[in-house]
Amino acid sequence: MGVPHALGGLNWGRGTVSVSLSIVIAGFVAYFSVSRVAVGETTEPESLAEPA
């Protein structure tokens, strides 16, 4: 996307593409860290559970 049309790109500039993708990646990291979508249920092992 950042290279000239003659080389098959969109001529947006390498810096613009780098900054844009960095912002998108940081957004995904922030979303997943706040929402915890990709984190499975955690359970305590039997040895650490509260005594009954």
Protein backbone atom coordinates (compact mmCIF):
# COMPACT_ATOMS: atom_id res chain seq x y z
CA MET A 1 0.00 0.00 0.00
CA GLY A 2 2.86 2.35 0.67
CA VAL A 3 4.74 1.96 -2.60
CA PRO A 4 4.06 3.84 -5.87
CA HIS A 5 1.41 2.71 -8.36
CA ALA A 6 4.17 1.64 -10.76
CA LEU A 7 5.24 -1.00 -8.21
CA GLY A 8 1.69 -2.21 -7.54
CA GLY A 9 0.94 -0.12 -4.46
CA LEU A 10 -1.60 2.54 -3.58
CA ASN A 11 1.00 5.33 -3.22
CA TRP A 12 -0.04 6.18 0.35
CA GLY A 13 3.54 6.40 1.56
CA ARG A 14 5.40 3.97 3.76
CA GLY A 15 5.24 6.20 6.84
CA THR A 16 1.47 6.68 6.58
CA VAL A 17 0.92 2.95 6.22
CA SER A 18 3.25 2.18 9.14
CA VAL A 19 1.55 4.64 11.49
CA SER A 20 -1.94 3.54 10.42
CA LEU A 21 -1.24 -0.15 10.95
CA SER A 22 0.44 0.58 14.29
CA ILE A 23 -2.70 2.38 15.47
CA VAL A 24 -4.91 -0.49 14.30
CA ILE A 25 -2.73 -3.08 16.04
CA ALA A 26 -2.63 -1.02 19.26
CA GLY A 27 -6.42 -0.76 19.09
CA PHE A 28 -6.81 -4.53 18.81
CA VAL A 29 -4.40 -5.10 21.71
CA ALA A 30 -6.29 -2.59 23.88
CA TYR A 31 -9.66 -4.13 22.99
CA PHE A 32 -8.56 -7.69 23.76
CA SER A 33 -6.82 -6.70 26.99
CA VAL A 34 -9.91 -4.85 28.26
CA SER A 35 -12.57 -7.27 27.01
CA ARG A 36 -10.55 -10.43 27.77
CA VAL A 37 -12.36 -12.16 24.88
CA ALA A 38 -9.49 -14.54 24.12
CA VAL A 39 -8.94 -15.58 27.74
CA GLY A 40 -10.56 -18.82 28.80
CA GLU A 41 -12.14 -19.60 32.13
CA THR A 42 -9.58 -20.18 34.85
CA THR A 43 -10.25 -22.48 37.75
CA GLU A 44 -8.20 -23.05 40.86
CA PRO A 45 -6.55 -26.41 41.29
CA GLU A 46 -8.12 -28.64 43.94
CA SER A 47 -5.14 -28.13 46.25
CA LEU A 48 -5.71 -24.34 46.34
CA ALA A 49 -9.49 -24.40 46.66
CA GLU A 50 -11.21 -23.28 49.86
CA PRO A 51 -11.73 -26.12 52.35
CA ALA A 52 -15.33 -27.28 52.53
